Structure formats: structure tokens, C-alpha cells
Amino acid sequence: MGMRGTRGGTPTKPKHTEESIQQALYWNHPILTKPAFEMVGFIFYAWESDYLAISKAGYVYECEIKISHSDFLNEAIHKQNKMRILQGLSASDGTIDDRRPNYFWYVCPEGIISEAECPKFAGLMYITDSGTFRCIKSAPCLHKAKYDTQADLLRRDMRDKFYYAMWNWIRRYWRNIGKAKDIAPQTAAAYERALDKQVEEVADLKYRLSSLTQWRDIQADPKWGFATDDAIDEIFRNLPRLVRDKRDGSIELIDYDNAAEWRGDLERKPSLYQWLPINGNTL
């Protein structure tokens, strides 16, 4: 019997989608155990990265997700510039390390890509039907240039590219978990802890970004300590706020259309909700 996604055998409906594999990469960290920074579905180089992580040492790890063999073949045909960049070639065959990650992986369900057809510049990792990962081919180090993860430049580069996308991704993930009514209590608790961690990371980033005076020349609001009302309104438009209900400890999403609405709840309902504190600031 042929493997799923190969030309031999009868194809079956895949158990994974691109987003489910993104979530598995984000929560399980099979590529980099403790990344200093990670994100899914945003443009870091000249293409959209399905998953990207930066190590504490400043090395960039990128994962390209494929859920069909035809998708893998089409990329080589229709994205030749990306393929040349990943190989380290420019139009003049010079190296272009600042335009590609240090390590590049293909991640796919078992059998979609064979080890023999995996490019030399890439590693290959399978995700099983149960959600575990298996390394088929290690990714080679493409270059040793580092990215400064501590620089404000990183956050300025990223703010427009991924901030709203990240919140939308959290919202979709949270709602999907909420639909699983039969989820085990310990599993639900693990999801909440993971979500707490992600929310803290994103909210901490939001606090740092809103305090940058370079962002539209916004000056700090002395009362609230970060940005003016217009800036906060823009940030909170269509953005969910995560709060913890003090009565039962559950986490819920509340949508605010503007900063005034959020501040009103913040002042009127301190005994009911706990807005997740970040670095001593309630955002």
C-alpha cells in the first residue's frame, strides 16, 4: 500500500491542515526547544513564513509546511527566486545570507515528501497522525550570520507584519478549543497555561511597541504610561482582550472597539475580572 499523498495507493483525507501543523510546531517546539522569539504565518523575508523561530543566540529557523506532494512540486516550479535565495545564490551568484534563515525545514504529514527529493538546503520533518514529530533529515546550517533578537529594530520590523495576525490566530485557536466540550480537565488546564504564556508574550510586545516614539511620532500619555488615545484606539480596534474571571478562574475573550470602552471596564469591574498583568502593567 502506498503512503498518503504519494502516487501509489489510494489517497485518504489528510488528518492535518496547515494551521494544525503550525499550532503543533508552536506548542511542541520540535525544531528549537526554547526560542527567544517565534511566530506563524507572517512575512520575515521575501516570502511568508509558515513558522519561524529565533534562538537566544540569534539564529533563525524557518519551517515550510506542505500538506500535499503537488504543493511541494509547484513551489520548486513557481517560486524559483525563493529557491535561489535559499541556495544562497543571487543574480550574480553571490551569497545573500541576510535574505534567508540559518536553518530551513520542510514539515509535512508522513510520506508527502521523500528524503530523496528533499533539497540539499532543507531539513525534513514528518508529523504523525497523533501530532508527534519525526526528523527524517537534519537541516544543514546555511550560514552563521546572527540576528540581534534584543534590538528594538526587531520589534519595529515586526509590529505591522504580525501583531494583528497573531491575535487573530490566538482567537481562532481559543475558539476551536472551546468547541471541544469533552476535553479532559488536565488537557484544558494545559491549553490555558500555554495560552497564558502566549498572551503574555504578545502583550509584552504590544507594550514595548506602543512605547516606541518612532511609531507615528506618538508621545507617551503620562496618565497611562504608554501611548495616546488615538494610538490605543487603533491598537484595540477589533482586538480581543483576554481576562480571567475571578469567580471561577476561567479565561474569556472580550472584544473592545476602542480604548475608552476598555478603560471603563478596567475602572468599573476590578473585582470581577483580572486583566492579565505584563511587567507590572495592566494592558
Protein backbone atom coordinates (compact mmCIF):
# COMPACT_ATOMS: atom_id res chain seq x y z
CA MET A 1 0.00 0.00 0.00
CA GLY A 2 1.32 3.45 -0.90
CA MET A 3 1.78 6.24 1.60
CA ARG A 4 -0.78 9.02 1.85
CA GLY A 5 -0.01 11.78 -0.63
CA THR A 6 2.22 9.65 -2.89
CA ARG A 7 1.34 8.48 -6.35
CA GLY A 8 0.95 4.82 -5.32
CA GLY A 9 -2.05 3.64 -3.31
CA THR A 10 -5.39 5.25 -2.61
CA PRO A 11 -5.21 8.79 -1.20
CA THR A 12 -7.03 9.40 2.06
CA LYS A 13 -8.27 12.60 3.63
CA PRO A 14 -5.33 14.24 5.45
CA LYS A 15 -5.61 14.46 9.22
CA HIS A 16 -3.62 17.70 9.33
CA THR A 17 -4.14 21.17 7.88
CA GLU A 18 -1.52 23.88 7.54
CA GLU A 19 -2.89 25.61 10.62
CA SER A 20 -2.98 22.45 12.75
CA ILE A 21 0.69 21.83 11.89
CA GLN A 22 1.52 25.47 12.70
CA GLN A 23 -0.09 25.04 16.11
CA ALA A 24 1.77 21.78 16.72
CA LEU A 25 5.08 23.47 15.85
CA TYR A 26 4.28 26.43 18.10
CA TRP A 27 3.27 24.41 21.16
CA ASN A 28 5.64 21.42 20.86
CA HIS A 29 8.86 23.13 19.67
CA PRO A 30 10.36 20.17 17.76
CA ILE A 31 12.83 22.42 15.93
CA LEU A 32 14.04 24.75 18.69
CA THR A 33 13.27 23.86 22.32
CA LYS A 34 13.36 27.34 23.89
CA PRO A 35 13.14 30.03 21.20
CA ALA A 36 13.64 33.67 22.13
CA PHE A 37 11.02 34.62 19.54
CA GLU A 38 8.59 32.63 17.37
CA MET A 39 5.71 33.37 15.05
CA VAL A 40 3.47 31.72 12.45
CA GLY A 41 2.21 32.99 9.09
CA PHE A 42 3.98 36.31 8.52
CA ILE A 43 6.49 37.85 6.12
CA PHE A 44 10.01 37.99 7.54
CA TYR A 45 12.00 37.54 4.33
CA ALA A 46 10.72 37.94 0.75
CA TRP A 47 8.03 35.31 1.34
CA GLU A 48 5.52 34.36 4.02
CA SER A 49 6.94 32.00 6.63
CA ASP A 50 4.61 29.26 7.88
CA TYR A 51 6.62 29.07 11.12
CA LEU A 52 9.73 30.97 12.15
CA ALA A 53 11.74 30.96 15.38
CA ILE A 54 14.82 32.87 16.51
CA SER A 55 17.15 31.32 19.07
CA LYS A 56 18.60 33.21 22.03
CA ALA A 57 21.90 33.21 20.15
CA GLY A 58 20.26 34.96 17.18
CA TYR A 59 19.95 32.10 14.69
CA VAL A 60 16.80 31.94 12.53
CA TYR A 61 14.91 28.66 11.98
CA GLU A 62 12.15 28.52 9.37
CA CYS A 63 9.63 25.77 8.62
CA GLU A 64 7.73 25.47 5.34
CA ILE A 65 4.59 23.35 5.73
CA LYS A 66 3.38 21.10 2.91
CA ILE A 67 0.18 19.05 3.09
CA SER A 68 0.31 17.68 -0.46
CA HIS A 69 3.01 16.42 -2.81
CA SER A 70 1.75 18.66 -5.62
CA ASP A 71 2.16 21.74 -3.41
CA PHE A 72 5.79 20.77 -2.82
CA LEU A 73 6.44 20.30 -6.55
CA ASN A 74 4.67 23.55 -7.50
CA GLU A 75 6.86 25.59 -5.17
CA ALA A 76 10.02 24.48 -6.98
CA ILE A 77 8.43 25.48 -10.31
CA HIS A 78 6.68 28.74 -9.43
CA LYS A 79 8.94 30.14 -6.67
CA GLN A 80 12.33 29.87 -8.30
CA ASN A 81 13.59 33.15 -6.81
CA LYS A 82 12.88 31.81 -3.31
CA MET A 83 14.69 28.57 -4.19
CA ARG A 84 17.74 30.52 -5.40
CA ILE A 85 17.80 32.63 -2.23
CA LEU A 86 17.61 29.52 -0.03
CA GLN A 87 20.52 28.06 -2.01
CA GLY A 88 22.48 31.25 -1.28
CA LEU A 89 22.53 32.49 -4.85
CA SER A 90 21.78 35.97 -6.19
CA ALA A 91 21.57 37.05 -9.81
CA SER A 92 25.36 37.26 -9.84
CA ASP A 93 25.76 34.01 -7.89
CA GLY A 94 26.87 35.90 -4.80
CA THR A 95 25.80 34.91 -1.29
CA ILE A 96 22.78 36.64 0.24
CA ASP A 97 22.73 35.39 3.81
CA ASP A 98 20.77 38.36 5.14
CA ARG A 99 17.80 37.27 3.00
CA ARG A 100 17.48 33.68 4.19
CA PRO A 101 17.29 31.79 7.52
CA ASN A 102 20.16 29.91 9.13
CA TYR A 103 18.16 26.66 9.01
CA PHE A 104 15.26 25.75 6.71
CA TRP A 105 12.91 22.77 7.18
CA TYR A 106 10.08 21.19 5.27
CA VAL A 107 7.40 19.86 7.65
CA CYS A 108 4.66 17.61 6.30
CA PRO A 109 2.47 14.59 7.10
CA GLU A 110 4.25 11.26 6.72
CA GLY A 111 5.12 10.34 3.13
CA ILE A 112 4.22 13.64 1.45
CA ILE A 113 7.89 14.39 0.69
CA SER A 114 10.53 11.67 0.47
CA GLU A 115 14.04 12.11 1.84
CA ALA A 116 15.46 11.59 -1.65
CA GLU A 117 13.58 14.56 -3.14
CA CYS A 118 14.21 16.93 -0.21
CA PRO A 119 16.55 19.75 -1.41
CA LYS A 120 20.11 19.89 -0.07
CA PHE A 121 19.45 23.23 1.64
CA ALA A 122 16.49 21.89 3.68
CA GLY A 123 15.75 19.53 6.52
CA LEU A 124 12.70 17.26 6.51
CA MET A 125 10.39 16.50 9.41
CA TYR A 126 7.23 14.39 9.45
CA ILE A 127 4.24 14.99 11.71
CA THR A 128 2.35 11.81 12.57
CA ASP A 129 -1.43 11.45 12.75
CA SER A 130 -1.14 11.68 16.55
CA GLY A 131 0.69 15.01 16.31
CA THR A 132 4.22 13.91 17.21
CA PHE A 133 7.23 14.86 15.07
CA ARG A 134 9.90 12.64 13.48
CA CYS A 135 13.10 14.01 11.96
CA ILE A 136 13.81 12.41 8.58
CA LYS A 137 16.70 14.65 7.50
CA SER A 138 18.51 17.26 9.59
CA ALA A 139 18.62 20.79 8.21
CA PRO A 140 22.12 21.96 7.27
CA CYS A 141 23.44 25.29 8.56
CA LEU A 142 23.06 27.65 5.58
CA HIS A 143 25.16 30.43 7.12
CA LYS A 144 26.28 31.71 10.54
CA ALA A 145 25.18 35.34 10.43
CA LYS A 146 23.13 36.18 13.53
CA TYR A 147 20.02 38.31 14.01
CA ASP A 148 20.05 40.60 17.06
CA THR A 149 16.95 39.45 18.95
CA GLN A 150 17.40 42.12 21.64
CA ALA A 151 17.37 45.12 19.31
CA ASP A 152 14.32 47.37 19.10
CA LEU A 153 14.83 47.08 15.37
CA LEU A 154 13.38 43.57 15.52
CA ARG A 155 10.19 44.78 17.14
CA ARG A 156 9.88 47.75 14.80
CA ASP A 157 10.35 45.45 11.81
CA MET A 158 7.72 43.04 13.08
CA ARG A 159 4.99 45.25 14.53
CA ASP A 160 2.87 45.76 11.39
CA LYS A 161 3.71 42.37 9.91
CA PHE A 162 2.48 40.08 12.65
CA TYR A 163 0.80 41.79 15.60
CA TYR A 164 -2.79 41.70 14.31
CA ALA A 165 -2.22 38.34 12.62
CA MET A 166 -1.05 36.89 15.93
CA TRP A 167 -4.17 38.00 17.80
CA ASN A 168 -6.42 36.59 15.10
CA TRP A 169 -4.54 33.32 15.32
CA ILE A 170 -4.98 33.24 19.13
CA ARG A 171 -8.68 33.96 18.75
CA ARG A 172 -9.18 31.12 16.25
CA TYR A 173 -7.19 28.71 18.40
CA TRP A 174 -9.12 29.62 21.55
CA ARG A 175 -12.49 29.23 19.86
CA ASN A 176 -11.51 25.85 18.43
CA ILE A 177 -10.53 24.64 21.89
CA GLY A 178 -13.82 25.94 23.27
CA LYS A 179 -15.72 23.73 20.85
CA ALA A 180 -14.12 20.59 22.27
CA LYS A 181 -16.71 20.03 25.00
CA ASP A 182 -15.37 16.61 26.01
CA ILE A 183 -11.81 17.80 26.56
CA ALA A 184 -10.15 16.35 29.67
CA PRO A 185 -9.75 18.83 32.58
CA GLN A 186 -5.97 18.38 32.72
CA THR A 187 -5.73 18.95 28.97
CA ALA A 188 -7.87 22.07 29.22
CA ALA A 189 -5.61 23.34 32.01
CA ALA A 190 -2.55 22.74 29.84
CA TYR A 191 -4.12 24.71 26.99
CA GLU A 192 -4.90 27.59 29.35
CA ARG A 193 -1.31 27.66 30.63
CA ALA A 194 0.01 27.63 27.07
CA LEU A 195 -2.40 30.38 26.07
CA ASP A 196 -1.40 32.42 29.13
CA LYS A 197 2.23 32.20 28.05
CA GLN A 198 1.42 33.25 24.50
CA VAL A 199 -0.78 36.12 25.64
CA GLU A 200 1.96 37.41 27.92
CA GLU A 201 4.48 37.32 25.07
CA VAL A 202 2.19 39.17 22.68
CA ALA A 203 1.00 41.71 25.25
CA ASP A 204 4.58 42.38 26.34
CA LEU A 205 5.44 43.02 22.71
CA LYS A 206 2.43 45.34 22.38
CA TYR A 207 3.58 47.30 25.44
CA ARG A 208 7.09 47.68 24.02
CA LEU A 209 5.80 48.69 20.60
CA SER A 210 3.36 51.28 21.89
CA SER A 211 6.14 52.90 23.93
CA LEU A 212 8.33 53.45 20.87
CA THR A 213 8.21 57.13 19.93
CA GLN A 214 9.25 56.17 16.39
CA TRP A 215 5.79 54.70 15.82
CA ARG A 216 3.92 57.56 14.11
CA ASP A 217 5.74 60.01 16.43
CA ILE A 218 3.36 59.15 19.27
CA GLN A 219 4.20 60.71 22.63
CA ALA A 220 3.66 58.85 25.89
CA ASP A 221 0.47 59.51 27.82
CA PRO A 222 1.62 60.36 31.40
CA LYS A 223 -1.60 59.02 32.98
CA TRP A 224 -1.45 55.58 31.38
CA GLY A 225 2.27 55.38 30.68
CA PHE A 226 2.42 54.25 27.08
CA ALA A 227 0.57 55.90 24.19
CA THR A 228 -2.08 58.48 23.38
CA ASP A 229 -5.79 57.69 23.00
CA ASP A 230 -5.69 57.68 19.20
CA ALA A 231 -2.89 55.14 19.18
CA ILE A 232 -4.60 52.89 21.73
CA ASP A 233 -7.88 53.07 19.83
CA GLU A 234 -6.09 51.86 16.73
CA ILE A 235 -4.46 49.01 18.63
CA PHE A 236 -7.69 47.87 20.27
CA ARG A 237 -9.95 48.13 17.22
CA ASN A 238 -11.34 44.62 16.62
CA LEU A 239 -8.83 43.16 19.05
CA PRO A 240 -9.94 40.67 21.73
CA ARG A 241 -8.86 41.21 25.33
CA LEU A 242 -8.13 38.15 27.42
CA VAL A 243 -9.28 38.35 31.02
CA ARG A 244 -9.50 35.90 33.90
CA ASP A 245 -12.85 35.66 35.69
CA LYS A 246 -12.04 35.84 39.42
CA ARG A 247 -15.17 33.87 40.31
CA ASP A 248 -14.09 30.60 38.69
CA GLY A 249 -10.61 31.26 37.33
CA SER A 250 -11.65 30.78 33.71
CA ILE A 251 -10.21 32.82 30.86
CA GLU A 252 -12.52 34.56 28.41
CA LEU A 253 -12.28 36.87 25.43
CA ILE A 254 -13.88 40.31 25.48
CA ASP A 255 -13.90 42.39 22.30
CA TYR A 256 -13.35 46.14 22.67
CA ASP A 257 -13.88 48.66 19.88
CA ASN A 258 -11.82 51.41 21.50
CA ALA A 259 -9.62 52.23 24.45
CA ALA A 260 -12.32 54.17 26.33
CA GLU A 261 -14.55 51.09 26.45
CA TRP A 262 -11.68 49.00 27.78
CA ARG A 263 -10.71 51.63 30.39
CA GLY A 264 -14.31 51.81 31.52
CA ASP A 265 -14.35 48.11 32.32
CA LEU A 266 -10.91 48.39 33.86
CA GLU A 267 -12.20 51.01 36.33
CA ARG A 268 -15.70 49.56 36.92
CA LYS A 269 -15.00 45.83 37.22
CA PRO A 270 -11.74 45.33 39.11
CA SER A 271 -13.38 42.83 41.47
CA LEU A 272 -14.81 40.73 38.63
CA TYR A 273 -12.04 40.48 36.06
CA GLN A 274 -8.27 40.26 36.20
CA TRP A 275 -6.67 41.81 33.13
CA LEU A 276 -3.53 39.79 32.61
CA PRO A 277 -0.60 41.81 34.07
CA ILE A 278 2.53 42.20 31.96
CA ASN A 279 5.76 43.52 33.51
CA GLY A 280 3.77 45.18 36.27
CA ASN A 281 1.47 46.97 33.83
CA THR A 282 -2.16 46.04 33.26
CA LEU A 283 -2.51 46.36 29.50
